[in-house]
Amino acid sequence: GASDGRAPLRLRGLVGEVGGRILRA
């Protein structure tokens, strides 16, 4: 879509601990 900064941007993130809990959003 827009090339002037209005293009939609999707960001996925993760924080976790080895062998333990993982948070995603």
PDB file of all heavy atoms in Angstrom:
ATOM      1  N   GLY A   1       0.819  -1.210   0.000  1.00  0.00           N
ATOM      2  CA  GLY A   1       0.000   0.000   0.000  1.00  0.00           C
ATOM      3  C   GLY A   1       0.844   1.247   0.000  1.00  0.00           C
ATOM      4  O   GLY A   1       1.800   1.376  -0.768  1.00  0.00           O
ATOM      5  N   ALA A   2       0.508   2.159   0.879  1.00  0.00           N
ATOM      6  CA  ALA A   2       1.141   3.473   0.889  1.00  0.00           C
ATOM      7  C   ALA A   2       2.646   3.367   1.093  1.00  0.00           C
ATOM      8  O   ALA A   2       3.129   2.545   1.857  1.00  0.00           O
ATOM      9  CB  ALA A   2       0.522   4.327   1.990  1.00  0.00           C
ATOM     10  N   SER A   3       3.387   4.195   0.386  1.00  0.00           N
ATOM     11  CA  SER A   3       4.843   4.211   0.511  1.00  0.00           C
ATOM     12  C   SER A   3       5.325   5.469   1.226  1.00  0.00           C
ATOM     13  O   SER A   3       6.515   5.763   1.228  1.00  0.00           O
ATOM     14  CB  SER A   3       5.485   4.132  -0.882  1.00  0.00           C
ATOM     15  OG  SER A   3       5.042   5.219  -1.685  1.00  0.00           O
ATOM     16  N   ASP A   4       4.415   6.205   1.828  1.00  0.00           N
ATOM     17  CA  ASP A   4       4.787   7.474   2.455  1.00  0.00           C
ATOM     18  C   ASP A   4       4.757   7.396   3.973  1.00  0.00           C
ATOM     19  O   ASP A   4       4.617   8.392   4.661  1.00  0.00           O
ATOM     20  CB  ASP A   4       3.844   8.576   1.987  1.00  0.00           C
ATOM     21  CG  ASP A   4       2.381   8.265   2.319  1.00  0.00           C
ATOM     22  OD1 ASP A   4       2.119   7.179   2.861  1.00  0.00           O
ATOM     23  OD2 ASP A   4       1.513   9.113   2.025  1.00  0.00           O
ATOM     24  N   GLY A   5       4.896   6.207   4.488  1.00  0.00           N
ATOM     25  CA  GLY A   5       4.875   6.046   5.941  1.00  0.00           C
ATOM     26  C   GLY A   5       3.555   5.532   6.458  1.00  0.00           C
ATOM     27  O   GLY A   5       3.444   5.183   7.630  1.00  0.00           O
ATOM     28  N   ARG A   6       2.524   5.457   5.611  1.00  0.00           N
ATOM     29  CA  ARG A   6       1.208   4.997   6.051  1.00  0.00           C
ATOM     30  C   ARG A   6       1.010   3.499   5.843  1.00  0.00           C
ATOM     31  O   ARG A   6      -0.061   2.967   6.121  1.00  0.00           O
ATOM     32  CB  ARG A   6       0.116   5.777   5.328  1.00  0.00           C
ATOM     33  CG  ARG A   6       0.061   7.243   5.735  1.00  0.00           C
ATOM     34  CD  ARG A   6      -1.072   8.001   5.059  1.00  0.00           C
ATOM     35  NE  ARG A   6      -0.803   8.195   3.638  1.00  0.00           N
ATOM     36  CZ  ARG A   6      -1.516   7.685   2.661  1.00  0.00           C
ATOM     37  NH1 ARG A   6      -2.559   6.918   2.938  1.00  0.00           N
ATOM     38  NH2 ARG A   6      -1.216   7.924   1.405  1.00  0.00           N
ATOM     39  N   ALA A   7       2.036   2.829   5.326  1.00  0.00           N
ATOM     40  CA  ALA A   7       1.927   1.377   5.113  1.00  0.00           C
ATOM     41  C   ALA A   7       1.721   0.675   6.446  1.00  0.00           C
ATOM     42  O   ALA A   7       2.374   1.003   7.439  1.00  0.00           O
ATOM     43  CB  ALA A   7       3.186   0.855   4.440  1.00  0.00           C
ATOM     44  N   PRO A   8       0.820  -0.301   6.498  1.00  0.00           N
ATOM     45  CA  PRO A   8       0.593  -1.028   7.750  1.00  0.00           C
ATOM     46  C   PRO A   8       1.824  -1.831   8.147  1.00  0.00           C
ATOM     47  O   PRO A   8       2.475  -2.447   7.308  1.00  0.00           O
ATOM     48  CB  PRO A   8      -0.596  -1.937   7.425  1.00  0.00           C
ATOM     49  CG  PRO A   8      -0.587  -2.073   5.934  1.00  0.00           C
ATOM     50  CD  PRO A   8      -0.037  -0.789   5.401  1.00  0.00           C
ATOM     51  N   LEU A   9       2.129  -1.799   9.422  1.00  0.00           N
ATOM     52  CA  LEU A   9       3.294  -2.497   9.960  1.00  0.00           C
ATOM     53  C   LEU A   9       2.847  -3.405  11.091  1.00  0.00           C
ATOM     54  O   LEU A   9       2.248  -2.960  12.061  1.00  0.00           O
ATOM     55  CB  LEU A   9       4.324  -1.485  10.474  1.00  0.00           C
ATOM     56  CG  LEU A   9       5.556  -2.041  11.197  1.00  0.00           C
ATOM     57  CD1 LEU A   9       6.362  -2.970  10.291  1.00  0.00           C
ATOM     58  CD2 LEU A   9       6.436  -0.898  11.692  1.00  0.00           C
ATOM     59  N   ARG A  10       3.134  -4.690  10.952  1.00  0.00           N
ATOM     60  CA  ARG A  10       2.805  -5.682  11.974  1.00  0.00           C
ATOM     61  C   ARG A  10       4.082  -6.099  12.689  1.00  0.00           C
ATOM     62  O   ARG A  10       5.084  -6.412  12.044  1.00  0.00           O
ATOM     63  CB  ARG A  10       2.156  -6.910  11.320  1.00  0.00           C
ATOM     64  CG  ARG A  10       1.829  -8.054  12.274  1.00  0.00           C
ATOM     65  CD  ARG A  10       1.475  -9.298  11.488  1.00  0.00           C
ATOM     66  NE  ARG A  10       1.132 -10.433  12.322  1.00  0.00           N
ATOM     67  CZ  ARG A  10       1.245 -11.701  11.939  1.00  0.00           C
ATOM     68  NH1 ARG A  10       1.692 -11.989  10.731  1.00  0.00           N
ATOM     69  NH2 ARG A  10       0.913 -12.686  12.738  1.00  0.00           N
ATOM     70  N   LEU A  11       4.037  -6.076  14.012  1.00  0.00           N
ATOM     71  CA  LEU A  11       5.205  -6.457  14.799  1.00  0.00           C
ATOM     72  C   LEU A  11       4.834  -7.565  15.762  1.00  0.00           C
ATOM     73  O   LEU A  11       3.879  -7.453  16.528  1.00  0.00           O
ATOM     74  CB  LEU A  11       5.737  -5.255  15.592  1.00  0.00           C
ATOM     75  CG  LEU A  11       6.961  -5.529  16.474  1.00  0.00           C
ATOM     76  CD1 LEU A  11       8.165  -5.913  15.626  1.00  0.00           C
ATOM     77  CD2 LEU A  11       7.285  -4.309  17.338  1.00  0.00           C
ATOM     78  N   ARG A  12       5.589  -8.662  15.692  1.00  0.00           N
ATOM     79  CA  ARG A  12       5.429  -9.760  16.638  1.00  0.00           C
ATOM     80  C   ARG A  12       6.646  -9.807  17.549  1.00  0.00           C
ATOM     81  O   ARG A  12       7.771  -9.591  17.088  1.00  0.00           O
ATOM     82  CB  ARG A  12       5.284 -11.093  15.899  1.00  0.00           C
ATOM     83  CG  ARG A  12       3.930 -11.252  15.221  1.00  0.00           C
ATOM     84  CD  ARG A  12       3.852 -12.548  14.451  1.00  0.00           C
ATOM     85  NE  ARG A  12       4.587 -12.466  13.201  1.00  0.00           N
ATOM     86  CZ  ARG A  12       5.048 -13.519  12.538  1.00  0.00           C
ATOM     87  NH1 ARG A  12       4.888 -14.741  13.036  1.00  0.00           N
ATOM     88  NH2 ARG A  12       5.681 -13.372  11.408  1.00  0.00           N
ATOM     89  N   GLY A  13       6.424 -10.088  18.824  1.00  0.00           N
ATOM     90  CA  GLY A  13       7.526 -10.128  19.771  1.00  0.00           C
ATOM     91  C   GLY A  13       7.443 -11.323  20.689  1.00  0.00           C
ATOM     92  O   GLY A  13       6.364 -11.883  20.918  1.00  0.00           O
ATOM     93  N   LEU A  14       8.593 -11.713  21.217  1.00  0.00           N
ATOM     94  CA  LEU A  14       8.696 -12.864  22.103  1.00  0.00           C
ATOM     95  C   LEU A  14       9.728 -12.585  23.188  1.00  0.00           C
ATOM     96  O   LEU A  14      10.779 -12.011  22.919  1.00  0.00           O
ATOM     97  CB  LEU A  14       9.113 -14.097  21.294  1.00  0.00           C
ATOM     98  CG  LEU A  14       9.491 -15.395  22.010  1.00  0.00           C
ATOM     99  CD1 LEU A  14       9.168 -16.590  21.112  1.00  0.00           C
ATOM    100  CD2 LEU A  14      10.977 -15.443  22.373  1.00  0.00           C
ATOM    101  N   VAL A  15       9.390 -12.992  24.403  1.00  0.00           N
ATOM    102  CA  VAL A  15      10.347 -13.002  25.513  1.00  0.00           C
ATOM    103  C   VAL A  15      10.178 -14.338  26.216  1.00  0.00           C
ATOM    104  O   VAL A  15       9.045 -14.775  26.471  1.00  0.00           O
ATOM    105  CB  VAL A  15      10.090 -11.854  26.517  1.00  0.00           C
ATOM    106  CG1 VAL A  15      11.077 -11.929  27.680  1.00  0.00           C
ATOM    107  CG2 VAL A  15      10.196 -10.499  25.829  1.00  0.00           C
ATOM    108  N   GLY A  16      11.290 -15.024  26.514  1.00  0.00           N
ATOM    109  CA  GLY A  16      11.160 -16.335  27.132  1.00  0.00           C
ATOM    110  C   GLY A  16      12.323 -16.678  28.022  1.00  0.00           C
ATOM    111  O   GLY A  16      13.310 -15.933  28.108  1.00  0.00           O
ATOM    112  N   GLU A  17      12.201 -17.801  28.689  1.00  0.00           N
ATOM    113  CA  GLU A  17      13.301 -18.348  29.474  1.00  0.00           C
ATOM    114  C   GLU A  17      13.508 -19.789  29.036  1.00  0.00           C
ATOM    115  O   GLU A  17      12.548 -20.509  28.741  1.00  0.00           O
ATOM    116  CB  GLU A  17      13.017 -18.267  30.977  1.00  0.00           C
ATOM    117  CG  GLU A  17      11.753 -18.966  31.444  1.00  0.00           C
ATOM    118  CD  GLU A  17      11.520 -18.807  32.937  1.00  0.00           C
ATOM    119  OE1 GLU A  17      12.482 -18.495  33.653  1.00  0.00           O
ATOM    120  OE2 GLU A  17      10.373 -19.003  33.376  1.00  0.00           O
ATOM    121  N   VAL A  18      14.772 -20.202  28.972  1.00  0.00           N
ATOM    122  CA  VAL A  18      15.110 -21.526  28.460  1.00  0.00           C
ATOM    123  C   VAL A  18      14.457 -22.606  29.324  1.00  0.00           C
ATOM    124  O   VAL A  18      14.646 -22.654  30.541  1.00  0.00           O
ATOM    125  CB  VAL A  18      16.636 -21.723  28.419  1.00  0.00           C
ATOM    126  CG1 VAL A  18      16.970 -23.134  27.955  1.00  0.00           C
ATOM    127  CG2 VAL A  18      17.284 -20.691  27.505  1.00  0.00           C
ATOM    128  N   GLY A  19      13.654 -23.444  28.661  1.00  0.00           N
ATOM    129  CA  GLY A  19      12.967 -24.520  29.364  1.00  0.00           C
ATOM    130  C   GLY A  19      11.796 -24.054  30.195  1.00  0.00           C
ATOM    131  O   GLY A  19      11.214 -24.842  30.958  1.00  0.00           O
ATOM    132  N   GLY A  20      11.425 -22.789  30.076  1.00  0.00           N
ATOM    133  CA  GLY A  20      10.355 -22.250  30.912  1.00  0.00           C
ATOM    134  C   GLY A  20       9.313 -21.485  30.113  1.00  0.00           C
ATOM    135  O   GLY A  20       8.984 -21.856  28.984  1.00  0.00           O
ATOM    136  N   ARG A  21       8.842 -20.411  30.705  1.00  0.00           N
ATOM    137  CA  ARG A  21       7.715 -19.667  30.143  1.00  0.00           C
ATOM    138  C   ARG A  21       8.121 -18.851  28.919  1.00  0.00           C
ATOM    139  O   ARG A  21       9.227 -18.339  28.838  1.00  0.00           O
ATOM    140  CB  ARG A  21       7.175 -18.729  31.234  1.00  0.00           C
ATOM    141  CG  ARG A  21       5.792 -18.148  30.952  1.00  0.00           C
ATOM    142  CD  ARG A  21       5.129 -17.681  32.249  1.00  0.00           C
ATOM    143  NE  ARG A  21       5.962 -16.782  33.003  1.00  0.00           N
ATOM    144  CZ  ARG A  21       5.627 -15.526  33.331  1.00  0.00           C
ATOM    145  NH1 ARG A  21       4.452 -15.054  32.967  1.00  0.00           N
ATOM    146  NH2 ARG A  21       6.430 -14.766  34.031  1.00  0.00           N
ATOM    147  N   ILE A  22       7.216 -18.731  27.973  1.00  0.00           N
ATOM    148  CA  ILE A  22       7.412 -17.904  26.784  1.00  0.00           C
ATOM    149  C   ILE A  22       6.223 -16.959  26.663  1.00  0.00           C
ATOM    150  O   ILE A  22       5.069 -17.389  26.724  1.00  0.00           O
ATOM    151  CB  ILE A  22       7.510 -18.752  25.503  1.00  0.00           C
ATOM    152  CG1 ILE A  22       8.686 -19.718  25.589  1.00  0.00           C
ATOM    153  CG2 ILE A  22       7.674 -17.849  24.287  1.00  0.00           C
ATOM    154  CD1 ILE A  22       8.806 -20.632  24.382  1.00  0.00           C
ATOM    155  N   LEU A  23       6.510 -15.685  26.513  1.00  0.00           N
ATOM    156  CA  LEU A  23       5.478 -14.673  26.301  1.00  0.00           C
ATOM    157  C   LEU A  23       5.529 -14.228  24.852  1.00  0.00           C
ATOM    158  O   LEU A  23       6.598 -13.915  24.328  1.00  0.00           O
ATOM    159  CB  LEU A  23       5.704 -13.474  27.227  1.00  0.00           C
ATOM    160  CG  LEU A  23       5.697 -13.744  28.735  1.00  0.00           C
ATOM    161  CD1 LEU A  23       6.064 -12.476  29.491  1.00  0.00           C
ATOM    162  CD2 LEU A  23       4.335 -14.261  29.180  1.00  0.00           C
ATOM    163  N   ARG A  24       4.374 -14.191  24.216  1.00  0.00           N
ATOM    164  CA  ARG A  24       4.285 -13.752  22.824  1.00  0.00           C
ATOM    165  C   ARG A  24       3.160 -12.740  22.682  1.00  0.00           C
ATOM    166  O   ARG A  24       2.138 -12.831  23.370  1.00  0.00           O
ATOM    167  CB  ARG A  24       3.984 -14.925  21.887  1.00  0.00           C
ATOM    168  CG  ARG A  24       4.971 -16.076  21.933  1.00  0.00           C
ATOM    169  CD  ARG A  24       4.477 -17.216  21.066  1.00  0.00           C
ATOM    170  NE  ARG A  24       5.260 -18.425  21.200  1.00  0.00           N
ATOM    171  CZ  ARG A  24       6.275 -18.762  20.408  1.00  0.00           C
ATOM    172  NH1 ARG A  24       6.606 -17.957  19.402  1.00  0.00           N
ATOM    173  NH2 ARG A  24       6.938 -19.881  20.596  1.00  0.00           N
ATOM    174  N   ALA A  25       3.339 -11.802  21.770  1.00  0.00           N
ATOM    175  CA  ALA A  25       2.279 -10.835  21.483  1.00  0.00           C
ATOM    176  C   ALA A  25       2.547 -10.202  20.123  1.00  0.00           C
ATOM    177  O   ALA A  25       3.657 -10.302  19.586  1.00  0.00           O
ATOM    178  CB  ALA A  25       2.210  -9.761  22.571  1.00  0.00           C
TER     179      ALA A  25
END
